[in-house]
C-alpha atoms as a PDB file:
ATOM      1  CA  MET A   1      93.598 172.700 149.080  1.00  0.00           C
ATOM      2  CA  SER A   2      90.074 172.641 147.706  1.00  0.00           C
ATOM      3  CA  ASP A   3      89.072 172.798 144.045  1.00  0.00           C
ATOM      4  CA  ASP A   4      87.832 176.361 144.627  1.00  0.00           C
ATOM      5  CA  ASP A   5      91.219 177.353 146.066  1.00  0.00           C
ATOM      6  CA  ILE A   6      93.013 175.863 143.082  1.00  0.00           C
ATOM      7  CA  HIS A   7      90.660 177.602 140.639  1.00  0.00           C
ATOM      8  CA  ASP A   8      91.200 180.921 142.452  1.00  0.00           C
ATOM      9  CA  LEU A   9      94.988 180.480 142.375  1.00  0.00           C
ATOM     10  CA  VAL A  10      94.997 179.703 138.651  1.00  0.00           C
ATOM     11  CA  LYS A  11      92.760 182.699 137.999  1.00  0.00           C
ATOM     12  CA  ARG A  12      95.149 184.990 139.917  1.00  0.00           C
ATOM     13  CA  ILE A  13      98.396 183.788 138.350  1.00  0.00           C
ATOM     14  CA  SER A  14      97.185 183.480 134.741  1.00  0.00           C
ATOM     15  CA  PRO A  15      97.754 187.193 133.950  1.00  0.00           C
ATOM     16  CA  VAL A  16     101.281 186.976 135.395  1.00  0.00           C
ATOM     17  CA  LEU A  17     102.059 183.903 133.296  1.00  0.00           C
ATOM     18  CA  ASN A  18     100.784 185.663 130.179  1.00  0.00           C
ATOM     19  CA  GLN A  19     103.025 188.647 130.947  1.00  0.00           C
ATOM     20  CA  LEU A  20     106.003 186.319 131.460  1.00  0.00           C
ATOM     21  CA  ARG A  21     105.383 184.633 128.096  1.00  0.00           C
ATOM     22  CA  GLU A  22     105.236 188.031 126.398  1.00  0.00           C
ATOM     23  CA  LEU A  23     108.473 189.155 128.084  1.00  0.00           C
ATOM     24  CA  GLN A  24     110.218 185.949 126.992  1.00  0.00           C
ATOM     25  CA  SER A  25     109.000 186.456 123.442  1.00  0.00           C
ATOM     26  CA  ARG A  26     110.204 190.078 123.412  1.00  0.00           C
ATOM     27  CA  ALA A  27     113.593 189.042 124.825  1.00  0.00           C
ATOM     28  CA  GLU A  28     114.027 186.374 122.144  1.00  0.00           C
ATOM     29  CA  ARG A  29     113.107 188.856 119.392  1.00  0.00           C
ATOM     30  CA  ALA A  30     115.740 191.218 120.804  1.00  0.00           C
ATOM     31  CA  GLY A  31     118.371 188.473 120.586  1.00  0.00           C
ATOM     32  CA  ILE A  32     118.495 187.726 124.309  1.00  0.00           C
ATOM     33  CA  PHE A  33     119.128 184.091 125.246  1.00  0.00           C
ATOM     34  CA  ILE A  34     116.541 183.071 127.835  1.00  0.00           C
ATOM     35  CA  ALA A  35     118.400 179.880 128.844  1.00  0.00           C
ATOM     36  CA  ASP A  36     115.534 177.552 128.009  1.00  0.00           C
ATOM     37  CA  ARG A  37     117.972 175.038 126.440  1.00  0.00           C
ATOM     38  CA  GLU A  38     121.668 174.197 126.253  1.00  0.00           C
ATOM     39  CA  LEU A  39     123.879 176.203 123.913  1.00  0.00           C
ATOM     40  CA  LEU A  40     124.497 174.500 120.564  1.00  0.00           C
ATOM     41  CA  CYS A  41     127.668 173.526 118.712  1.00  0.00           C
ATOM     42  CA  CYS A  42     127.697 171.994 115.232  1.00  0.00           C
ATOM     43  CA  SER A  43     130.080 169.054 114.987  1.00  0.00           C
ATOM     44  CA  GLY A  44     130.002 169.401 111.199  1.00  0.00           C
ATOM     45  CA  CYS A  45     131.378 172.908 110.777  1.00  0.00           C
ATOM     46  CA  GLY A  46     132.181 174.121 114.288  1.00  0.00           C
ATOM     47  CA  LEU A  47     129.579 176.898 114.481  1.00  0.00           C
ATOM     48  CA  THR A  48     129.123 177.506 118.215  1.00  0.00           C
ATOM     49  CA  GLU A  49     126.640 179.493 120.282  1.00  0.00           C
ATOM     50  CA  ASP A  50     127.671 181.676 123.193  1.00  0.00           C
ATOM     51  CA  VAL A  51     126.034 184.313 125.360  1.00  0.00           C
ATOM     52  CA  LEU A  52     127.574 187.738 125.928  1.00  0.00           C
ATOM     53  CA  ALA A  53     127.621 189.362 129.365  1.00  0.00           C
ATOM     54  CA  ASP A  54     124.556 191.430 128.408  1.00  0.00           C
ATOM     55  CA  GLY A  55     122.578 188.265 127.553  1.00  0.00           C
ATOM     56  CA  ARG A  56     122.750 188.453 123.758  1.00  0.00           C
ATOM     57  CA  LEU A  57     123.076 185.153 121.902  1.00  0.00           C
ATOM     58  CA  ILE A  58     125.897 185.007 119.344  1.00  0.00           C
ATOM     59  CA  THR A  59     127.431 182.373 117.083  1.00  0.00           C
ATOM     60  CA  TYR A  60     131.081 182.120 116.098  1.00  0.00           C
ATOM     61  CA  LYS A  61     133.606 179.780 114.528  1.00  0.00           C
ATOM     62  CA  GLY A  62     137.089 179.266 115.902  1.00  0.00           C
ATOM     63  CA  GLU A  63     138.412 180.315 119.262  1.00  0.00           C
ATOM     64  CA  PRO A  64     136.092 182.016 121.729  1.00  0.00           C
ATOM     65  CA  PRO A  65     135.171 184.732 121.993  1.00  0.00           C
ATOM     66  CA  GLY A  66     134.793 184.977 118.258  1.00  0.00           C
ATOM     67  CA  GLY A  67     132.938 187.745 116.504  1.00  0.00           C
ATOM     68  CA  ASP A  68     129.215 187.155 115.994  1.00  0.00           C
ATOM     69  CA  THR A  69     128.527 185.593 112.594  1.00  0.00           C
ATOM     70  CA  GLY A  70     124.891 186.722 112.763  1.00  0.00           C
ATOM     71  CA  LEU A  71     123.799 183.159 111.976  1.00  0.00           C
ATOM     72  CA  ARG A  72     121.228 181.459 114.228  1.00  0.00           C
ATOM     73  CA  PHE A  73     120.381 177.784 114.571  1.00  0.00           C
ATOM     74  CA  GLU A  74     116.884 176.992 113.291  1.00  0.00           C
ATOM     75  CA  ASP A  75     114.539 175.180 115.686  1.00  0.00           C
ATOM     76  CA  LEU A  76     113.070 172.246 113.761  1.00  0.00           C
ATOM     77  CA  GLY A  77     109.885 172.388 115.790  1.00  0.00           C
ATOM     78  CA  ASP A  78     110.494 169.885 118.554  1.00  0.00           C
ATOM     79  CA  GLU A  79     112.880 171.986 120.700  1.00  0.00           C
ATOM     80  CA  VAL A  80     115.435 169.148 120.533  1.00  0.00           C
ATOM     81  CA  ARG A  81     116.677 169.292 116.944  1.00  0.00           C
ATOM     82  CA  PHE A  82     118.110 172.381 115.272  1.00  0.00           C
ATOM     83  CA  ARG A  83     119.489 173.030 111.786  1.00  0.00           C
ATOM     84  CA  CYS A  84     122.916 174.605 111.500  1.00  0.00           C
ATOM     85  CA  PRO A  85     122.597 177.768 109.393  1.00  0.00           C
ATOM     86  CA  SER A  86     126.164 177.393 108.155  1.00  0.00           C
ATOM     87  CA  CYS A  87     126.306 173.805 106.855  1.00  0.00           C
ATOM     88  CA  GLY A  88     122.728 172.523 107.187  1.00  0.00           C
ATOM     89  CA  ALA A  89     123.563 169.691 109.605  1.00  0.00           C
ATOM     90  CA  VAL A  90     120.985 168.665 112.183  1.00  0.00           C
ATOM     91  CA  VAL A  91     122.228 169.413 115.715  1.00  0.00           C
ATOM     92  CA  ARG A  92     120.571 167.953 118.787  1.00  0.00           C
ATOM     93  CA  SER A  93     120.277 169.814 122.063  1.00  0.00           C
ATOM     94  CA  GLU A  94     122.526 168.159 124.675  1.00  0.00           C
ATOM     95  CA  ASP A  95     120.040 168.803 127.486  1.00  0.00           C
ATOM     96  CA  GLU A  96     117.865 166.022 126.057  1.00  0.00           C
ATOM     97  CA  GLY A  97     120.489 163.369 126.738  1.00  0.00           C
ATOM     98  CA  VAL A  98     121.495 162.850 123.109  1.00  0.00           C
END
């Protein structure tokens, strides 16, 4: 594949990638879990994430399926560490091998 072919390919798929990013952003704002990380569980207080059949992210305490607490883990900016909204503990995403 030549440099011109690669440039042409990038030029053609860039609009699609921008649309995908916008759709992901809209889904997240609507409360849809886009499966870009493992679900979280706080070892400190037991707050646990789950995904409903319609794709909505919920958190609960106790036995699943618990009612949604409305609380959401806060991304601390590195997509690996999150702050528990219930107790404030730092929770690490398991998909990073920690």
